[in-house]
Protein backbone atom coordinates (compact mmCIF):
# COMPACT_ATOMS: atom_id res chain seq x y z
CA MET A 1 25.88 98.61 85.34
CA TYR A 2 29.01 100.70 85.19
CA PHE A 3 31.55 100.20 82.40
CA LYS A 4 34.57 102.07 81.15
CA ASN A 5 35.96 101.87 77.63
CA GLN A 6 39.75 101.73 77.56
CA VAL A 7 42.33 101.40 74.81
CA HIS A 8 45.22 100.11 76.95
CA LEU A 9 45.50 97.93 80.03
CA THR A 10 47.00 99.47 83.11
CA ALA A 11 50.06 97.65 84.45
CA ASP A 12 47.92 96.24 87.28
CA GLN A 13 45.24 95.02 84.85
CA ALA A 14 47.83 93.29 82.65
CA LYS A 15 49.50 91.66 85.65
CA SER A 16 46.18 90.47 87.06
CA PHE A 17 44.97 89.13 83.70
CA PHE A 18 48.10 87.23 82.72
CA GLU A 19 48.71 85.88 86.23
CA GLN A 20 45.35 84.08 86.33
CA PRO A 21 45.63 80.31 86.68
CA GLU A 22 46.06 78.77 83.23
CA ASP A 23 42.82 77.08 82.21
CA GLY A 24 43.27 76.38 78.50
CA PRO A 25 41.52 77.78 75.44
CA PHE A 26 39.40 80.90 75.67
CA VAL A 27 37.60 83.27 73.36
CA MET A 28 38.14 87.00 73.75
CA VAL A 29 35.08 89.06 72.96
CA ASN A 30 36.10 92.56 71.87
CA LEU A 31 33.53 95.36 71.92
CA LEU A 32 35.10 98.17 69.92
CA LYS A 33 34.44 101.90 69.67
CA PHE A 34 36.24 103.83 66.94
CA LYS A 35 37.45 107.41 66.72
CA SER A 36 35.74 109.38 63.98
CA ARG A 37 39.19 110.18 62.47
CA ALA A 38 42.41 108.21 62.80
CA ALA A 39 44.90 109.80 65.19
CA TYR A 40 48.41 108.54 64.49
CA ALA A 41 51.08 109.80 66.89
CA ASP A 42 53.12 111.17 63.97
CA GLY A 43 50.11 112.96 62.44
CA SER A 44 50.08 110.77 59.33
CA ASP A 45 46.96 109.51 57.57
CA ALA A 46 44.69 112.14 59.12
CA ASP A 47 42.24 111.53 56.28
CA LEU A 48 41.52 107.97 57.48
CA SER A 49 38.59 107.07 59.67
CA GLY A 50 39.24 105.36 62.98
CA PHE A 51 37.63 102.25 61.53
CA ASP A 52 40.03 102.26 58.56
CA ALA A 53 43.05 102.59 60.86
CA TYR A 54 41.77 99.72 63.00
CA ARG A 55 41.13 97.64 59.88
CA ARG A 56 44.86 97.91 59.10
CA TYR A 57 45.53 96.42 62.54
CA GLY A 58 42.86 93.75 62.07
CA ARG A 59 44.31 92.47 58.81
CA LYS A 60 47.75 92.05 60.40
CA VAL A 61 46.74 90.75 63.82
CA ARG A 62 44.98 87.76 62.23
CA HIS A 63 48.41 86.42 61.22
CA LEU A 64 49.75 86.87 64.75
CA ILE A 65 46.76 85.10 66.30
CA LEU A 66 47.36 82.16 63.96
CA LYS A 67 51.09 82.24 64.71
CA VAL A 68 50.47 81.56 68.44
CA GLY A 69 47.99 78.76 67.67
CA GLY A 70 44.85 80.85 67.96
CA THR A 71 41.85 81.27 65.69
CA PRO A 72 40.61 84.61 64.42
CA GLY A 73 36.83 84.56 64.63
CA TYR A 74 33.79 86.53 63.63
CA SER A 75 33.91 90.29 63.39
CA GLY A 76 31.20 92.66 62.28
CA PRO A 77 29.55 96.01 62.88
CA VAL A 78 27.03 96.49 65.66
CA THR A 79 23.73 97.35 63.97
CA GLY A 80 21.28 97.47 66.85
CA LEU A 81 20.36 96.54 70.39
CA ARG A 82 17.60 94.01 71.01
CA LEU A 83 17.51 94.03 74.80
CA GLY A 84 18.77 96.32 77.50
CA GLU A 85 19.85 99.93 77.43
CA VAL A 86 23.14 101.68 76.89
CA GLU A 87 23.89 105.32 76.29
CA GLU A 88 25.87 104.47 73.17
CA LEU A 89 26.42 101.25 71.22
CA TRP A 90 29.84 99.89 70.39
CA ASP A 91 30.77 100.08 66.72
CA MET A 92 31.99 96.52 66.21
CA VAL A 93 32.27 93.11 67.83
CA ALA A 94 35.29 90.87 67.15
CA LEU A 95 36.07 87.41 68.50
CA ALA A 96 39.44 85.68 68.74
CA GLU A 97 40.27 82.31 70.25
CA TYR A 98 43.58 81.74 72.04
CA PRO A 99 44.88 78.34 73.13
CA SER A 100 46.13 79.75 76.44
CA LEU A 101 46.92 82.90 78.38
CA ALA A 102 50.60 82.25 77.64
CA ALA A 103 49.90 82.28 73.90
CA MET A 104 48.04 85.57 74.06
CA LYS A 105 50.79 87.08 76.21
CA GLU A 106 53.42 85.90 73.73
CA MET A 107 51.51 87.60 70.93
CA VAL A 108 50.92 90.97 72.63
CA GLU A 109 54.53 91.16 73.80
CA SER A 110 56.01 90.32 70.38
CA PRO A 111 57.87 92.93 68.30
CA GLU A 112 55.44 92.25 65.41
CA TYR A 113 52.47 93.10 67.61
CA ARG A 114 54.10 96.26 68.93
CA GLU A 115 54.65 97.35 65.31
CA ILE A 116 51.01 96.96 64.27
CA ALA A 117 49.53 98.26 67.54
CA ARG A 118 49.99 101.82 66.25
CA HIS A 119 47.05 101.22 63.89
CA ARG A 120 44.94 99.97 66.79
CA ASP A 121 45.87 103.02 68.86
CA ALA A 122 45.14 105.39 65.97
CA GLY A 123 41.68 103.95 65.40
CA LEU A 124 40.26 102.97 68.78
CA ALA A 125 38.41 105.35 71.05
CA GLY A 126 37.84 102.54 73.54
CA GLN A 127 36.97 98.90 73.99
CA LEU A 128 35.89 96.20 76.36
CA ASN A 129 37.69 92.83 76.27
CA ILE A 130 35.69 89.98 77.77
CA LYS A 131 37.40 86.61 78.33
CA THR A 132 35.06 83.66 77.89
CA LYS A 133 35.78 79.97 78.51
CA GLY A 134 35.61 77.69 75.52
CA THR A 135 36.38 77.60 71.84
CA LEU A 136 34.91 78.90 68.60
CA GLY A 137 34.48 75.44 67.07
């Protein structure tokens, strides 16, 4: 199985994702890989780990998920692999439920999200986002 960690969607990926037929609530499964050191564009906070920079984002994005009617879910470190093989494990798994594609799009295009995304960018080395049908509850 081939996979590629990315930090940002390409324009084609974003268009394809948000132009899917609306089918109601979904849970986004985020497999996260962190940089060893935070890398802010302005060079600030070079003493932070990638995880710590991402944690800044995580604390603030919870509010934005709630604001669009979503539910922040479980998040925790990856501690092992029971089945299968990968060259390298992800560092963390995080779940978030959104009521619709439109709600998620509203969030990621908001000025508040653009402001906090710098922490995400500083901390993430890559990620996989997997859309699943259903809800957390």
